[in-house]
Amino acid sequence: MNGLARRVTWWAGALALTVLIADLAIPLAIDAGLRACDFAAFYCAGEAVAHGADPYRVMPLAACEHRVATGPFLMQLAVMPAPLPPYVLGALRVVAMVPFRLAQHLLDVVSVGAFGVTVVLLHRLTRIPVMAVLFATAPFAWVVVMLGQPLLVLACALTAAAVLVRQDRDRFAALAASAMMVEPHVGLCVCLSLFLWRKKTRLVLVATGAAGVALAIATVSWPVVREYFTEVLPLHARSEVYGPGQFSLTAILAALGVPASSAVHAGAVQYAVVGLGGVFVARVVAARLENSAALVVVPPLFAVLGGTFIHATDFIFVLPAALLIAAKTPRRAWATAALVGLAAHWKAVGGLPGPLLSVVAATVLVYWRHRSLVPALAVGALFSIAVALCTLVTDAGPVALGAPAAGDFAELAWEQFMLAHAANGADFLIRLPMWGALIVLCALTVELASAGRRDVVPELRTAPACP
């Protein structure tokens, strides 16, 4: 165990140093203008709340974003919306008290630390070698850090909740799972699963929910809370119907010619049905595997399948289930293919290191499973070709858009920007591996739920971790 701890510490430290160096060298990377663009929107929404303004309107959100912008992307936008729930924006008012640059670097450090903890916890949960876990998650980690999203912290909370519930520490698991409500479309399924199947979590979940409501009303005001649910959420669901980065059922239907409003409604219904189904599948899988961690990690797998609004970064919440399934399913080839498909981050979001990590991740994952260099290098070569082809896909470039009114919802301006940069056929081809991986993982999970005990791998034989 001491040797494992040393190896984990070494790799986590190396990763932390790499990300922090990249944080300083990012102006030299491709698409450097995207650096921390999401965090800028969240930070400015918190600042708006601190000043008593509506964080979902164009002003003062746009003025703040242009002030703190680290690159040209935010400067060319009229505004980037911050569609987080009111209780999250109420908490972000504290973050807005810190200068933006300092807050950005603090988020980087916290995210890297959370990533290291997540890798260790996933290794403990699945017994998959640290090296395989590290590279399965690294492509997501790069994109998340570059965009300035808090998803690495949330992934850590999700994994911690899974470990805690496996240890029968249900109340602490409920606290960790409650943090997932920062992303309610995923967190709701996790919390519902714990609420239904683990009685000791119920009081904690109700208490944290009540605290969130109280925080929202106290910091943002009830009219803005009501506005979020009645106007902001519907507008945001429509804003990226034709966006190039959407993995939702709504985006697929819209591309097939379904009217936007009908596509949004269909995505919402499908999310409710499949998300609820995932909660019940989680209970059966937990019983089959005799592993209560499945109650936490399985629901996100179904929550991000389709729906109305899903980005590639949301797939980071699929990884705990993907690794658990890979450790337990007898269909090793399919599970490996799914893990490799999830690593297909071929577009240079935040710089070339992201696609390079994707190539290395695919190679390492195949080698871990098959212990043969030929298939590993072949997959790495295919990923390299895909990355090269993605560089040939050009964006529409700057498009002149009308200036929104100060009192408009930020989503209206964002919808116009998305329409001007609508997805094309190449964008959909790039998304196919991750879509396929998600479908395969859901199928393997359902198969495990219906399998007998003899069809489940009792314990993954752990190969040597990392040197």
Foldseek 3Di string as FASTA:
>chain_A
DVVLVVVLVVVLVVVLVVLVVCVVVLVVFPPLQLFQLLVQLLLLLLCCLLVLHQSQFLPPSLVSSCVPRPHCPSVLFSHDHNLWALLSSLVSVVVNVDPPVVSLVVLSNVLSVLQSLLLVLLCVQQVAFSVLSCLLQVLLSLLCSRNSHNVSNLLSLLSVLLVCVQVVVNCSSLVSLLVNCSVVLQSVLLNVLCVVPPVVNVVNNVVSVVVSVVSSCVRNNDVSNVCSVPPVVVLLLLLQLQFLFFPAQSVVVVVVPDDNVVSQVVLAVQLVVQLVVQSVLLVLLCVLLVRNSSNRLRSLLRSQQHHRGHGLSSCSSNVSLLSNLCSKAPPNVLSLLLSLLNLLPQEQNSGDVSLVSSLVSNLVSVCSSPVDNVVSVVSSVVSVVSSVVNVVDDWPPRDDDDNDDRGHGPSVSSSVVRVSGGHDPVSVVSCVSNSVSSVSSVVSSSVSSVDHSVRIDNGGDYDHHDD
